[in-house]
């Protein structure tokens, strides 16, 4: 299937400084893609290039089968059939909700498209209100309706949920995602929030230092990070120095059979990979609980393995607490990511039990 949006070897720069480097991405019709990365990684600059606000230094962008950007051309935003949802919504304060949503539409279909877009976000009853009469969440939904109304090829969302309280943020995020999927819309979201990217998008492109370093589904990004840098950035985890010799992997947690090449490297362990319990009888302590962080629905424990190596362990909050001191720490059997020294990518290992 031909992608709706295709980016090939795209580089964007200011003067001698390249802020986006040789990016290759494809977005399929009806797909939601998240550009995820820390501040300054180039994700917003790339979004602006897709929109037509930034020219390319090298490479190309094709949208709906048309070349819209390359080294010699940059089709202006108004000719790209895109919808934009900005931070804070960016509504016109002097216009009603209905006029905001219908802005730029003309002809016989304008009224119908405006009404359909408002209905799609559940705000038909608020059509006569002004932006300052709406909540922050309602303003974001109006901005989405405005982006949907012209029936664009792709909708671009630039951190649209910033500034909302966490509970409202999650509800609006879910509603926006459901609205986009119901409409069959194609969308690209920019965010630095991993939970937002994983919960909202079909696929995630992780950006670091101007490059896309991994593109995949949220589960594969989390469970199988391609590089050490992705492993450090995505999710909570600890990279433990480890050695594989004679078919066994050894680290501060213990030793297990490992069917991969011998050598040194790092083993990625995450808080949910462990079981933590009080010592039973004369059981020899192998770890020490230092501190427990109360997070409401669950608990996050800081545990030392050898007096210096600290791992975090996540458990459900069942009303039972462990006191600081010696504890039993068990690595659950499962798939783990192993990063051998000198190799650019990680490999999967089955360990634990």
C-alpha atoms as a PDB file:
ATOM      1  CA  UNK A   1       0.000   0.000   0.000  1.00  0.00           C
ATOM      2  CA  UNK A   2       1.330   3.429  -0.978  1.00  0.00           C
ATOM      3  CA  UNK A   3       1.820   5.582   2.152  1.00  0.00           C
ATOM      4  CA  UNK A   4      -0.213   8.778   2.449  1.00  0.00           C
ATOM      5  CA  UNK A   5       2.817  10.631   3.840  1.00  0.00           C
ATOM      6  CA  UNK A   6       6.345   9.709   2.785  1.00  0.00           C
ATOM      7  CA  UNK A   7       9.499  11.399   4.079  1.00  0.00           C
ATOM      8  CA  UNK A   8      12.800  10.453   2.420  1.00  0.00           C
ATOM      9  CA  UNK A   9      16.284  11.400   3.677  1.00  0.00           C
ATOM     10  CA  UNK A  10      14.920  14.703   5.016  1.00  0.00           C
ATOM     11  CA  UNK A  11      17.398  17.148   6.555  1.00  0.00           C
ATOM     12  CA  UNK A  12      16.499  20.594   7.890  1.00  0.00           C
ATOM     13  CA  UNK A  13      18.975  23.209   9.034  1.00  0.00           C
ATOM     14  CA  UNK A  14      19.571  26.804  10.014  1.00  0.00           C
ATOM     15  CA  UNK A  15      22.858  28.121   8.688  1.00  0.00           C
ATOM     16  CA  UNK A  16      25.467  25.413   9.190  1.00  0.00           C
ATOM     17  CA  UNK A  17      23.453  23.665  11.928  1.00  0.00           C
ATOM     18  CA  UNK A  18      21.324  20.649  10.937  1.00  0.00           C
ATOM     19  CA  UNK A  19      18.470  20.139  13.420  1.00  0.00           C
ATOM     20  CA  UNK A  20      16.841  17.252  11.507  1.00  0.00           C
ATOM     21  CA  UNK A  21      19.138  14.683   9.886  1.00  0.00           C
ATOM     22  CA  UNK A  22      18.317  12.160   7.152  1.00  0.00           C
ATOM     23  CA  UNK A  23      14.856  11.250   8.438  1.00  0.00           C
ATOM     24  CA  UNK A  24      12.913   8.479   6.698  1.00  0.00           C
ATOM     25  CA  UNK A  25       9.273   7.943   7.690  1.00  0.00           C
ATOM     26  CA  UNK A  26       6.049   6.660   6.186  1.00  0.00           C
ATOM     27  CA  UNK A  27       2.503   7.164   7.480  1.00  0.00           C
ATOM     28  CA  UNK A  28      -0.294   5.030   6.095  1.00  0.00           C
ATOM     29  CA  UNK A  29      -3.858   6.155   5.376  1.00  0.00           C
ATOM     30  CA  UNK A  30      -5.852   6.200   8.636  1.00  0.00           C
ATOM     31  CA  UNK A  31      -2.759   5.740  10.820  1.00  0.00           C
ATOM     32  CA  UNK A  32      -1.792   7.835  13.845  1.00  0.00           C
ATOM     33  CA  UNK A  33       1.977   8.297  14.234  1.00  0.00           C
ATOM     34  CA  UNK A  34       3.633   9.935  17.251  1.00  0.00           C
ATOM     35  CA  UNK A  35       6.965  11.761  17.016  1.00  0.00           C
ATOM     36  CA  UNK A  36       8.391  11.184  20.502  1.00  0.00           C
ATOM     37  CA  UNK A  37      11.555  12.728  21.854  1.00  0.00           C
ATOM     38  CA  UNK A  38      13.107  15.119  24.375  1.00  0.00           C
ATOM     39  CA  UNK A  39      13.104  18.890  23.949  1.00  0.00           C
ATOM     40  CA  UNK A  40      15.421  19.998  21.161  1.00  0.00           C
ATOM     41  CA  UNK A  41      15.445  16.662  19.302  1.00  0.00           C
ATOM     42  CA  UNK A  42      13.922  18.156  16.118  1.00  0.00           C
ATOM     43  CA  UNK A  43      10.412  16.700  16.324  1.00  0.00           C
ATOM     44  CA  UNK A  44       8.560  20.040  16.102  1.00  0.00           C
ATOM     45  CA  UNK A  45      10.848  21.213  13.286  1.00  0.00           C
ATOM     46  CA  UNK A  46       9.997  18.036  11.366  1.00  0.00           C
ATOM     47  CA  UNK A  47       6.276  18.620  11.944  1.00  0.00           C
ATOM     48  CA  UNK A  48       6.643  22.177  10.650  1.00  0.00           C
ATOM     49  CA  UNK A  49       8.364  20.841   7.536  1.00  0.00           C
ATOM     50  CA  UNK A  50       5.466  18.439   6.918  1.00  0.00           C
ATOM     51  CA  UNK A  51       3.114  21.418   7.254  1.00  0.00           C
ATOM     52  CA  UNK A  52       5.150  23.530   4.832  1.00  0.00           C
ATOM     53  CA  UNK A  53       6.476  26.057   7.346  1.00  0.00           C
ATOM     54  CA  UNK A  54      10.106  24.870   7.063  1.00  0.00           C
ATOM     55  CA  UNK A  55      12.030  24.144   3.821  1.00  0.00           C
ATOM     56  CA  UNK A  56      14.187  21.054   3.430  1.00  0.00           C
ATOM     57  CA  UNK A  57      17.944  21.289   3.099  1.00  0.00           C
ATOM     58  CA  UNK A  58      17.983  17.808   1.551  1.00  0.00           C
ATOM     59  CA  UNK A  59      15.525  14.985   0.879  1.00  0.00           C
ATOM     60  CA  UNK A  60      11.822  15.048   0.038  1.00  0.00           C
ATOM     61  CA  UNK A  61       8.282  14.924   1.435  1.00  0.00           C
ATOM     62  CA  UNK A  62       5.384  13.425  -0.544  1.00  0.00           C
ATOM     63  CA  UNK A  63       1.785  13.921   0.602  1.00  0.00           C
ATOM     64  CA  UNK A  64      -1.147  12.085  -1.009  1.00  0.00           C
ATOM     65  CA  UNK A  65       1.000  11.231  -4.021  1.00  0.00           C
ATOM     66  CA  UNK A  66       2.268  14.785  -4.576  1.00  0.00           C
ATOM     67  CA  UNK A  67       5.830  16.025  -4.013  1.00  0.00           C
ATOM     68  CA  UNK A  68       5.323  18.940  -1.603  1.00  0.00           C
ATOM     69  CA  UNK A  69       8.910  19.499  -0.416  1.00  0.00           C
ATOM     70  CA  UNK A  70      12.399  18.852  -1.693  1.00  0.00           C
ATOM     71  CA  UNK A  71      15.634  20.790  -2.147  1.00  0.00           C
ATOM     72  CA  UNK A  72      14.100  23.115  -4.744  1.00  0.00           C
ATOM     73  CA  UNK A  73      10.444  23.460  -3.742  1.00  0.00           C
ATOM     74  CA  UNK A  74       8.229  23.992  -0.712  1.00  0.00           C
ATOM     75  CA  UNK A  75       4.495  23.967  -1.437  1.00  0.00           C
ATOM     76  CA  UNK A  76       2.853  26.486   0.961  1.00  0.00           C
ATOM     77  CA  UNK A  77       0.722  25.166   3.855  1.00  0.00           C
ATOM     78  CA  UNK A  78      -2.590  26.345   2.390  1.00  0.00           C
ATOM     79  CA  UNK A  79      -2.040  24.132  -0.672  1.00  0.00           C
ATOM     80  CA  UNK A  80      -1.154  20.955   1.239  1.00  0.00           C
ATOM     81  CA  UNK A  81      -4.628  20.081   2.572  1.00  0.00           C
ATOM     82  CA  UNK A  82      -3.427  19.704   6.143  1.00  0.00           C
ATOM     83  CA  UNK A  83      -5.187  20.363   9.439  1.00  0.00           C
ATOM     84  CA  UNK A  84      -3.225  21.813  12.358  1.00  0.00           C
ATOM     85  CA  UNK A  85      -3.957  21.503  16.072  1.00  0.00           C
ATOM     86  CA  UNK A  86      -1.599  23.800  17.975  1.00  0.00           C
ATOM     87  CA  UNK A  87      -0.575  23.976  21.616  1.00  0.00           C
ATOM     88  CA  UNK A  88      -3.321  25.623  23.703  1.00  0.00           C
ATOM     89  CA  UNK A  89      -5.734  25.301  20.759  1.00  0.00           C
ATOM     90  CA  UNK A  90      -4.994  28.760  19.253  1.00  0.00           C
ATOM     91  CA  UNK A  91      -8.665  29.684  18.702  1.00  0.00           C
ATOM     92  CA  UNK A  92      -9.830  33.090  17.494  1.00  0.00           C
ATOM     93  CA  UNK A  93     -11.130  34.781  20.674  1.00  0.00           C
ATOM     94  CA  UNK A  94     -13.560  37.108  18.841  1.00  0.00           C
ATOM     95  CA  UNK A  95     -15.310  34.253  16.999  1.00  0.00           C
ATOM     96  CA  UNK A  96     -17.918  31.810  18.253  1.00  0.00           C
ATOM     97  CA  UNK A  97     -17.164  28.111  18.370  1.00  0.00           C
ATOM     98  CA  UNK A  98     -19.123  27.609  15.154  1.00  0.00           C
ATOM     99  CA  UNK A  99     -17.252  30.360  13.319  1.00  0.00           C
ATOM    100  CA  UNK A 100     -13.905  29.037  14.572  1.00  0.00           C
ATOM    101  CA  UNK A 101     -14.683  25.566  13.249  1.00  0.00           C
ATOM    102  CA  UNK A 102     -15.960  26.883   9.924  1.00  0.00           C
ATOM    103  CA  UNK A 103     -13.128  29.360   9.411  1.00  0.00           C
ATOM    104  CA  UNK A 104     -11.765  29.103   5.885  1.00  0.00           C
ATOM    105  CA  UNK A 105     -14.643  27.000   4.565  1.00  0.00           C
ATOM    106  CA  UNK A 106     -16.845  28.303   1.776  1.00  0.00           C
ATOM    107  CA  UNK A 107     -19.527  27.116  -0.596  1.00  0.00           C
ATOM    108  CA  UNK A 108     -22.639  25.055  -0.061  1.00  0.00           C
ATOM    109  CA  UNK A 109     -20.847  22.367   1.963  1.00  0.00           C
ATOM    110  CA  UNK A 110     -19.415  24.772   4.580  1.00  0.00           C
ATOM    111  CA  UNK A 111     -22.411  24.670   6.953  1.00  0.00           C
ATOM    112  CA  UNK A 112     -22.721  20.882   6.752  1.00  0.00           C
ATOM    113  CA  UNK A 113     -19.007  20.270   7.332  1.00  0.00           C
ATOM    114  CA  UNK A 114     -18.970  22.654  10.297  1.00  0.00           C
ATOM    115  CA  UNK A 115     -21.926  20.907  11.907  1.00  0.00           C
ATOM    116  CA  UNK A 116     -20.467  17.456  11.256  1.00  0.00           C
ATOM    117  CA  UNK A 117     -17.109  18.439  12.750  1.00  0.00           C
ATOM    118  CA  UNK A 118     -18.757  19.852  15.888  1.00  0.00           C
ATOM    119  CA  UNK A 119     -20.896  16.740  16.248  1.00  0.00           C
ATOM    120  CA  UNK A 120     -17.820  14.507  15.921  1.00  0.00           C
ATOM    121  CA  UNK A 121     -16.302  16.047  19.068  1.00  0.00           C
ATOM    122  CA  UNK A 122     -19.617  16.281  20.939  1.00  0.00           C
ATOM    123  CA  UNK A 123     -19.793  20.080  21.092  1.00  0.00           C
ATOM    124  CA  UNK A 124     -22.820  20.883  18.925  1.00  0.00           C
ATOM    125  CA  UNK A 125     -24.606  22.427  21.923  1.00  0.00           C
ATOM    126  CA  UNK A 126     -21.746  24.905  22.456  1.00  0.00           C
ATOM    127  CA  UNK A 127     -21.661  26.294  18.911  1.00  0.00           C
ATOM    128  CA  UNK A 128     -22.747  29.796  19.977  1.00  0.00           C
ATOM    129  CA  UNK A 129     -20.208  30.182  22.784  1.00  0.00           C
ATOM    130  CA  UNK A 130     -16.893  32.024  22.623  1.00  0.00           C
ATOM    131  CA  UNK A 131     -13.513  30.455  23.492  1.00  0.00           C
ATOM    132  CA  UNK A 132     -13.284  32.220  26.863  1.00  0.00           C
ATOM    133  CA  UNK A 133     -16.559  30.534  27.844  1.00  0.00           C
ATOM    134  CA  UNK A 134     -15.065  27.062  27.361  1.00  0.00           C
ATOM    135  CA  UNK A 135     -12.886  24.860  29.531  1.00  0.00           C
ATOM    136  CA  UNK A 136      -9.353  24.053  28.430  1.00  0.00           C
ATOM    137  CA  UNK A 137     -10.428  20.605  27.311  1.00  0.00           C
ATOM    138  CA  UNK A 138     -13.343  21.971  25.295  1.00  0.00           C
ATOM    139  CA  UNK A 139     -11.015  24.430  23.565  1.00  0.00           C
ATOM    140  CA  UNK A 140      -8.778  21.525  22.460  1.00  0.00           C
ATOM    141  CA  UNK A 141     -11.812  19.720  21.034  1.00  0.00           C
ATOM    142  CA  UNK A 142     -12.894  22.832  19.123  1.00  0.00           C
ATOM    143  CA  UNK A 143      -9.376  23.050  17.673  1.00  0.00           C
ATOM    144  CA  UNK A 144      -9.647  19.420  16.560  1.00  0.00           C
ATOM    145  CA  UNK A 145     -13.070  20.058  14.986  1.00  0.00           C
ATOM    146  CA  UNK A 146     -11.607  23.032  13.109  1.00  0.00           C
ATOM    147  CA  UNK A 147      -8.809  20.812  11.791  1.00  0.00           C
ATOM    148  CA  UNK A 148     -11.257  18.068  10.741  1.00  0.00           C
ATOM    149  CA  UNK A 149     -13.824  20.295   9.031  1.00  0.00           C
ATOM    150  CA  UNK A 150     -11.952  20.819   5.708  1.00  0.00           C
ATOM    151  CA  UNK A 151     -11.394  17.027   5.466  1.00  0.00           C
ATOM    152  CA  UNK A 152      -7.608  17.328   5.140  1.00  0.00           C
ATOM    153  CA  UNK A 153      -5.164  14.692   3.938  1.00  0.00           C
ATOM    154  CA  UNK A 154      -3.430  14.649   7.313  1.00  0.00           C
ATOM    155  CA  UNK A 155      -3.888  16.286  10.711  1.00  0.00           C
ATOM    156  CA  UNK A 156      -0.784  17.536  12.539  1.00  0.00           C
ATOM    157  CA  UNK A 157      -0.964  17.882  16.331  1.00  0.00           C
ATOM    158  CA  UNK A 158       1.754  19.895  18.093  1.00  0.00           C
ATOM    159  CA  UNK A 159       1.639  18.857  21.783  1.00  0.00           C
ATOM    160  CA  UNK A 160      -2.109  19.648  21.892  1.00  0.00           C
ATOM    161  CA  UNK A 161      -2.683  18.465  25.467  1.00  0.00           C
ATOM    162  CA  UNK A 162      -0.044  20.625  27.175  1.00  0.00           C
ATOM    163  CA  UNK A 163      -1.342  22.585  30.170  1.00  0.00           C
ATOM    164  CA  UNK A 164      -4.306  20.337  30.998  1.00  0.00           C
ATOM    165  CA  UNK A 165      -4.647  18.712  34.417  1.00  0.00           C
ATOM    166  CA  UNK A 166      -3.648  15.054  34.286  1.00  0.00           C
ATOM    167  CA  UNK A 167      -7.148  13.586  34.626  1.00  0.00           C
ATOM    168  CA  UNK A 168      -8.636  15.949  32.038  1.00  0.00           C
ATOM    169  CA  UNK A 169      -5.605  15.452  29.828  1.00  0.00           C
ATOM    170  CA  UNK A 170      -6.160  11.691  29.693  1.00  0.00           C
ATOM    171  CA  UNK A 171      -9.882  12.044  28.960  1.00  0.00           C
ATOM    172  CA  UNK A 172      -9.348  14.610  26.191  1.00  0.00           C
ATOM    173  CA  UNK A 173      -6.490  12.572  24.721  1.00  0.00           C
ATOM    174  CA  UNK A 174      -8.695   9.483  24.565  1.00  0.00           C
ATOM    175  CA  UNK A 175     -11.591  11.455  23.067  1.00  0.00           C
ATOM    176  CA  UNK A 176      -9.367  13.039  20.416  1.00  0.00           C
ATOM    177  CA  UNK A 177      -7.913   9.641  19.506  1.00  0.00           C
ATOM    178  CA  UNK A 178     -11.361   8.074  19.237  1.00  0.00           C
ATOM    179  CA  UNK A 179     -12.603  10.983  17.104  1.00  0.00           C
ATOM    180  CA  UNK A 180      -9.667  10.649  14.707  1.00  0.00           C
ATOM    181  CA  UNK A 181     -10.133   6.901  14.361  1.00  0.00           C
ATOM    182  CA  UNK A 182     -13.897   7.189  13.843  1.00  0.00           C
ATOM    183  CA  UNK A 183     -13.261   9.752  11.102  1.00  0.00           C
ATOM    184  CA  UNK A 184     -10.604   7.523   9.513  1.00  0.00           C
ATOM    185  CA  UNK A 185      -8.186  10.449   9.765  1.00  0.00           C
ATOM    186  CA  UNK A 186      -4.433  10.245   9.277  1.00  0.00           C
ATOM    187  CA  UNK A 187      -2.526  12.116  11.978  1.00  0.00           C
ATOM    188  CA  UNK A 188       0.968  12.941  13.228  1.00  0.00           C
ATOM    189  CA  UNK A 189       1.368  13.887  16.901  1.00  0.00           C
ATOM    190  CA  UNK A 190       4.401  15.617  18.416  1.00  0.00           C
ATOM    191  CA  UNK A 191       4.976  14.921  22.103  1.00  0.00           C
ATOM    192  CA  UNK A 192       7.699  14.471  24.718  1.00  0.00           C
ATOM    193  CA  UNK A 193       5.301  12.452  26.911  1.00  0.00           C
ATOM    194  CA  UNK A 194       5.877   8.700  26.535  1.00  0.00           C
ATOM    195  CA  UNK A 195       2.558   7.714  28.085  1.00  0.00           C
ATOM    196  CA  UNK A 196       0.775  10.062  25.699  1.00  0.00           C
ATOM    197  CA  UNK A 197       2.599   8.669  22.667  1.00  0.00           C
ATOM    198  CA  UNK A 198       2.018   5.031  23.649  1.00  0.00           C
ATOM    199  CA  UNK A 199      -1.648   5.529  24.538  1.00  0.00           C
ATOM    200  CA  UNK A 200      -2.527   7.668  21.510  1.00  0.00           C
ATOM    201  CA  UNK A 201      -0.596   6.391  18.500  1.00  0.00           C
ATOM    202  CA  UNK A 202      -0.599   3.266  16.344  1.00  0.00           C
ATOM    203  CA  UNK A 203       3.144   3.636  15.830  1.00  0.00           C
ATOM    204  CA  UNK A 204       5.833   5.736  17.499  1.00  0.00           C
ATOM    205  CA  UNK A 205       8.942   7.282  15.939  1.00  0.00           C
ATOM    206  CA  UNK A 206      11.571   8.004  18.608  1.00  0.00           C
ATOM    207  CA  UNK A 207      13.730  11.029  17.774  1.00  0.00           C
ATOM    208  CA  UNK A 208      17.094  11.870  19.329  1.00  0.00           C
ATOM    209  CA  UNK A 209      19.542  14.572  18.217  1.00  0.00           C
ATOM    210  CA  UNK A 210      17.665  15.228  14.986  1.00  0.00           C
ATOM    211  CA  UNK A 211      17.410  11.593  13.891  1.00  0.00           C
ATOM    212  CA  UNK A 212      14.656   8.989  13.986  1.00  0.00           C
ATOM    213  CA  UNK A 213      16.347   6.141  15.851  1.00  0.00           C
ATOM    214  CA  UNK A 214      13.442   3.676  16.010  1.00  0.00           C
ATOM    215  CA  UNK A 215       9.941   3.445  14.522  1.00  0.00           C
ATOM    216  CA  UNK A 216       7.597   0.704  15.674  1.00  0.00           C
ATOM    217  CA  UNK A 217       4.449  -0.097  17.640  1.00  0.00           C
ATOM    218  CA  UNK A 218       4.335   1.063  21.289  1.00  0.00           C
ATOM    219  CA  UNK A 219       4.792  -2.481  22.704  1.00  0.00           C
ATOM    220  CA  UNK A 220       7.860  -3.153  20.551  1.00  0.00           C
ATOM    221  CA  UNK A 221       9.403   0.245  21.347  1.00  0.00           C
ATOM    222  CA  UNK A 222       9.015  -0.464  25.072  1.00  0.00           C
ATOM    223  CA  UNK A 223       9.873  -4.161  25.110  1.00  0.00           C
ATOM    224  CA  UNK A 224      12.503  -4.202  22.353  1.00  0.00           C
ATOM    225  CA  UNK A 225      14.299  -0.832  22.262  1.00  0.00           C
ATOM    226  CA  UNK A 226      16.661  -0.846  19.303  1.00  0.00           C
ATOM    227  CA  UNK A 227      19.603   0.910  20.957  1.00  0.00           C
ATOM    228  CA  UNK A 228      20.994   1.776  24.365  1.00  0.00           C
ATOM    229  CA  UNK A 229      19.897   5.390  23.894  1.00  0.00           C
ATOM    230  CA  UNK A 230      16.300   4.337  23.226  1.00  0.00           C
ATOM    231  CA  UNK A 231      16.425   2.018  26.243  1.00  0.00           C
ATOM    232  CA  UNK A 232      17.618   4.890  28.434  1.00  0.00           C
ATOM    233  CA  UNK A 233      14.900   7.229  27.146  1.00  0.00           C
ATOM    234  CA  UNK A 234      11.819   5.007  26.976  1.00  0.00           C
ATOM    235  CA  UNK A 235      10.216   3.881  30.211  1.00  0.00           C
ATOM    236  CA  UNK A 236      11.693   3.357  33.647  1.00  0.00           C
ATOM    237  CA  UNK A 237      14.479   0.815  33.673  1.00  0.00           C
ATOM    238  CA  UNK A 238      17.989  -0.006  34.726  1.00  0.00           C
ATOM    239  CA  UNK A 239      20.845  -1.065  32.455  1.00  0.00           C
ATOM    240  CA  UNK A 240      22.935  -3.513  34.458  1.00  0.00           C
ATOM    241  CA  UNK A 241      26.514  -4.356  33.423  1.00  0.00           C
ATOM    242  CA  UNK A 242      26.555  -8.062  32.572  1.00  0.00           C
ATOM    243  CA  UNK A 243      28.778 -10.759  31.084  1.00  0.00           C
ATOM    244  CA  UNK A 244      27.940 -13.829  29.011  1.00  0.00           C
ATOM    245  CA  UNK A 245      30.461 -16.659  29.326  1.00  0.00           C
ATOM    246  CA  UNK A 246      30.113 -20.345  28.493  1.00  0.00           C
ATOM    247  CA  UNK A 247      26.408 -19.979  27.816  1.00  0.00           C
ATOM    248  CA  UNK A 248      25.486 -18.122  31.017  1.00  0.00           C
ATOM    249  CA  UNK A 249      24.670 -14.479  31.671  1.00  0.00           C
ATOM    250  CA  UNK A 250      25.872 -13.059  34.983  1.00  0.00           C
ATOM    251  CA  UNK A 251      25.071  -9.705  36.580  1.00  0.00           C
ATOM    252  CA  UNK A 252      24.308  -8.253  40.014  1.00  0.00           C
ATOM    253  CA  UNK A 253      20.926 -10.025  39.977  1.00  0.00           C
ATOM    254  CA  UNK A 254      22.295 -13.529  39.462  1.00  0.00           C
ATOM    255  CA  UNK A 255      23.171 -15.970  36.695  1.00  0.00           C
ATOM    256  CA  UNK A 256      21.029 -17.680  34.006  1.00  0.00           C
ATOM    257  CA  UNK A 257      21.524 -19.732  30.836  1.00  0.00           C
ATOM    258  CA  UNK A 258      21.823 -17.481  27.773  1.00  0.00           C
ATOM    259  CA  UNK A 259      21.933 -18.741  24.199  1.00  0.00           C
ATOM    260  CA  UNK A 260      23.852 -15.930  22.529  1.00  0.00           C
ATOM    261  CA  UNK A 261      27.444 -14.958  21.828  1.00  0.00           C
ATOM    262  CA  UNK A 262      29.829 -14.487  24.750  1.00  0.00           C
ATOM    263  CA  UNK A 263      30.943 -11.019  25.751  1.00  0.00           C
ATOM    264  CA  UNK A 264      30.188  -8.030  27.920  1.00  0.00           C
ATOM    265  CA  UNK A 265      27.287  -5.618  27.684  1.00  0.00           C
ATOM    266  CA  UNK A 266      24.186  -4.321  29.445  1.00  0.00           C
ATOM    267  CA  UNK A 267      20.953  -6.032  30.468  1.00  0.00           C
ATOM    268  CA  UNK A 268      17.782  -3.903  30.555  1.00  0.00           C
ATOM    269  CA  UNK A 269      15.518  -4.642  33.521  1.00  0.00           C
ATOM    270  CA  UNK A 270      12.286  -2.798  34.281  1.00  0.00           C
ATOM    271  CA  UNK A 271      10.399  -2.373  37.587  1.00  0.00           C
ATOM    272  CA  UNK A 272       7.678  -4.842  36.549  1.00  0.00           C
ATOM    273  CA  UNK A 273      10.238  -7.613  35.899  1.00  0.00           C
ATOM    274  CA  UNK A 274      10.601  -8.395  39.626  1.00  0.00           C
ATOM    275  CA  UNK A 275       8.804  -9.989  42.523  1.00  0.00           C
ATOM    276  CA  UNK A 276       9.578  -8.550  45.946  1.00  0.00           C
ATOM    277  CA  UNK A 277       8.671 -10.174  49.243  1.00  0.00           C
ATOM    278  CA  UNK A 278       9.725 -10.426  52.859  1.00  0.00           C
ATOM    279  CA  UNK A 279      12.359 -12.999  53.794  1.00  0.00           C
ATOM    280  CA  UNK A 280      10.994 -16.383  54.820  1.00  0.00           C
ATOM    281  CA  UNK A 281      12.629 -18.213  57.730  1.00  0.00           C
ATOM    282  CA  UNK A 282      16.374 -18.625  57.352  1.00  0.00           C
ATOM    283  CA  UNK A 283      16.388 -17.428  53.748  1.00  0.00           C
ATOM    284  CA  UNK A 284      19.653 -15.667  52.967  1.00  0.00           C
ATOM    285  CA  UNK A 285      19.077 -11.987  52.109  1.00  0.00           C
ATOM    286  CA  UNK A 286      20.133 -11.080  48.587  1.00  0.00           C
ATOM    287  CA  UNK A 287      18.802  -7.545  48.511  1.00  0.00           C
ATOM    288  CA  UNK A 288      17.854  -4.661  50.773  1.00  0.00           C
ATOM    289  CA  UNK A 289      14.787  -2.436  50.532  1.00  0.00           C
ATOM    290  CA  UNK A 290      15.896   1.183  50.940  1.00  0.00           C
ATOM    291  CA  UNK A 291      12.751   3.191  50.276  1.00  0.00           C
ATOM    292  CA  UNK A 292       9.170   2.840  49.044  1.00  0.00           C
ATOM    293  CA  UNK A 293       7.483   5.535  46.942  1.00  0.00           C
ATOM    294  CA  UNK A 294       3.697   5.676  47.341  1.00  0.00           C
ATOM    295  CA  UNK A 295       2.056   6.230  43.927  1.00  0.00           C
ATOM    296  CA  UNK A 296      -1.558   5.527  44.837  1.00  0.00           C
ATOM    297  CA  UNK A 297      -2.539   2.540  42.699  1.00  0.00           C
ATOM    298  CA  UNK A 298       0.920   1.010  43.009  1.00  0.00           C
ATOM    299  CA  UNK A 299       4.200   1.249  44.903  1.00  0.00           C
ATOM    300  CA  UNK A 300       7.718   1.809  43.603  1.00  0.00           C
ATOM    301  CA  UNK A 301      10.511   0.349  45.725  1.00  0.00           C
ATOM    302  CA  UNK A 302      14.220   1.247  45.671  1.00  0.00           C
ATOM    303  CA  UNK A 303      16.203  -1.950  46.248  1.00  0.00           C
ATOM    304  CA  UNK A 304      19.989  -2.358  46.505  1.00  0.00           C
ATOM    305  CA  UNK A 305      21.581  -5.577  45.312  1.00  0.00           C
ATOM    306  CA  UNK A 306      25.138  -5.247  46.566  1.00  0.00           C
ATOM    307  CA  UNK A 307      25.112  -2.056  48.589  1.00  0.00           C
ATOM    308  CA  UNK A 308      25.587   0.127  45.519  1.00  0.00           C
ATOM    309  CA  UNK A 309      23.553  -1.192  42.564  1.00  0.00           C
ATOM    310  CA  UNK A 310      19.966   0.062  42.852  1.00  0.00           C
ATOM    311  CA  UNK A 311      16.973  -1.282  40.922  1.00  0.00           C
ATOM    312  CA  UNK A 312      13.364  -0.164  41.158  1.00  0.00           C
ATOM    313  CA  UNK A 313      10.562  -2.662  41.707  1.00  0.00           C
ATOM    314  CA  UNK A 314       6.894  -1.925  41.000  1.00  0.00           C
ATOM    315  CA  UNK A 315       4.185  -3.722  42.992  1.00  0.00           C
ATOM    316  CA  UNK A 316       0.431  -3.309  43.316  1.00  0.00           C
ATOM    317  CA  UNK A 317      -0.791  -1.374  46.330  1.00  0.00           C
ATOM    318  CA  UNK A 318      -2.696  -4.092  48.207  1.00  0.00           C
ATOM    319  CA  UNK A 319      -2.494  -2.393  51.593  1.00  0.00           C
ATOM    320  CA  UNK A 320       0.505  -4.424  52.704  1.00  0.00           C
ATOM    321  CA  UNK A 321       3.826  -2.658  53.143  1.00  0.00           C
ATOM    322  CA  UNK A 322       7.371  -3.922  53.442  1.00  0.00           C
ATOM    323  CA  UNK A 323       9.669  -2.353  55.983  1.00  0.00           C
ATOM    324  CA  UNK A 324      13.121  -1.156  54.890  1.00  0.00           C
ATOM    325  CA  UNK A 325      15.719  -3.861  55.342  1.00  0.00           C
ATOM    326  CA  UNK A 326      16.623  -7.289  53.913  1.00  0.00           C
ATOM    327  CA  UNK A 327      14.151  -8.641  51.335  1.00  0.00           C
ATOM    328  CA  UNK A 328      13.904 -11.410  48.762  1.00  0.00           C
ATOM    329  CA  UNK A 329      14.121 -10.182  45.154  1.00  0.00           C
ATOM    330  CA  UNK A 330      13.143 -12.530  42.327  1.00  0.00           C
ATOM    331  CA  UNK A 331      13.512 -11.917  38.588  1.00  0.00           C
ATOM    332  CA  UNK A 332      10.425 -13.160  36.759  1.00  0.00           C
ATOM    333  CA  UNK A 333      11.058 -15.381  33.772  1.00  0.00           C
ATOM    334  CA  UNK A 334      10.514 -13.493  30.543  1.00  0.00           C
ATOM    335  CA  UNK A 335      11.994 -11.720  27.543  1.00  0.00           C
ATOM    336  CA  UNK A 336      14.782  -9.223  28.258  1.00  0.00           C
ATOM    337  CA  UNK A 337      16.815  -6.874  26.088  1.00  0.00           C
ATOM    338  CA  UNK A 338      20.567  -7.492  25.945  1.00  0.00           C
ATOM    339  CA  UNK A 339      22.948  -4.892  24.502  1.00  0.00           C
ATOM    340  CA  UNK A 340      26.351  -6.429  23.653  1.00  0.00           C
ATOM    341  CA  UNK A 341      29.337  -4.070  23.723  1.00  0.00           C
ATOM    342  CA  UNK A 342      30.382  -2.900  20.287  1.00  0.00           C
ATOM    343  CA  UNK A 343      27.107  -3.751  18.524  1.00  0.00           C
ATOM    344  CA  UNK A 344      24.629  -1.039  17.428  1.00  0.00           C
ATOM    345  CA  UNK A 345      21.440  -2.962  18.275  1.00  0.00           C
ATOM    346  CA  UNK A 346      20.096  -5.033  21.141  1.00  0.00           C
ATOM    347  CA  UNK A 347      18.928  -8.662  21.050  1.00  0.00           C
ATOM    348  CA  UNK A 348      16.231 -10.571  22.937  1.00  0.00           C
ATOM    349  CA  UNK A 349      17.062 -13.088  25.676  1.00  0.00           C
ATOM    350  CA  UNK A 350      14.825 -15.322  27.779  1.00  0.00           C
ATOM    351  CA  UNK A 351      15.965 -15.159  31.412  1.00  0.00           C
ATOM    352  CA  UNK A 352      14.724 -15.506  34.977  1.00  0.00           C
ATOM    353  CA  UNK A 353      12.491 -17.994  36.690  1.00  0.00           C
END
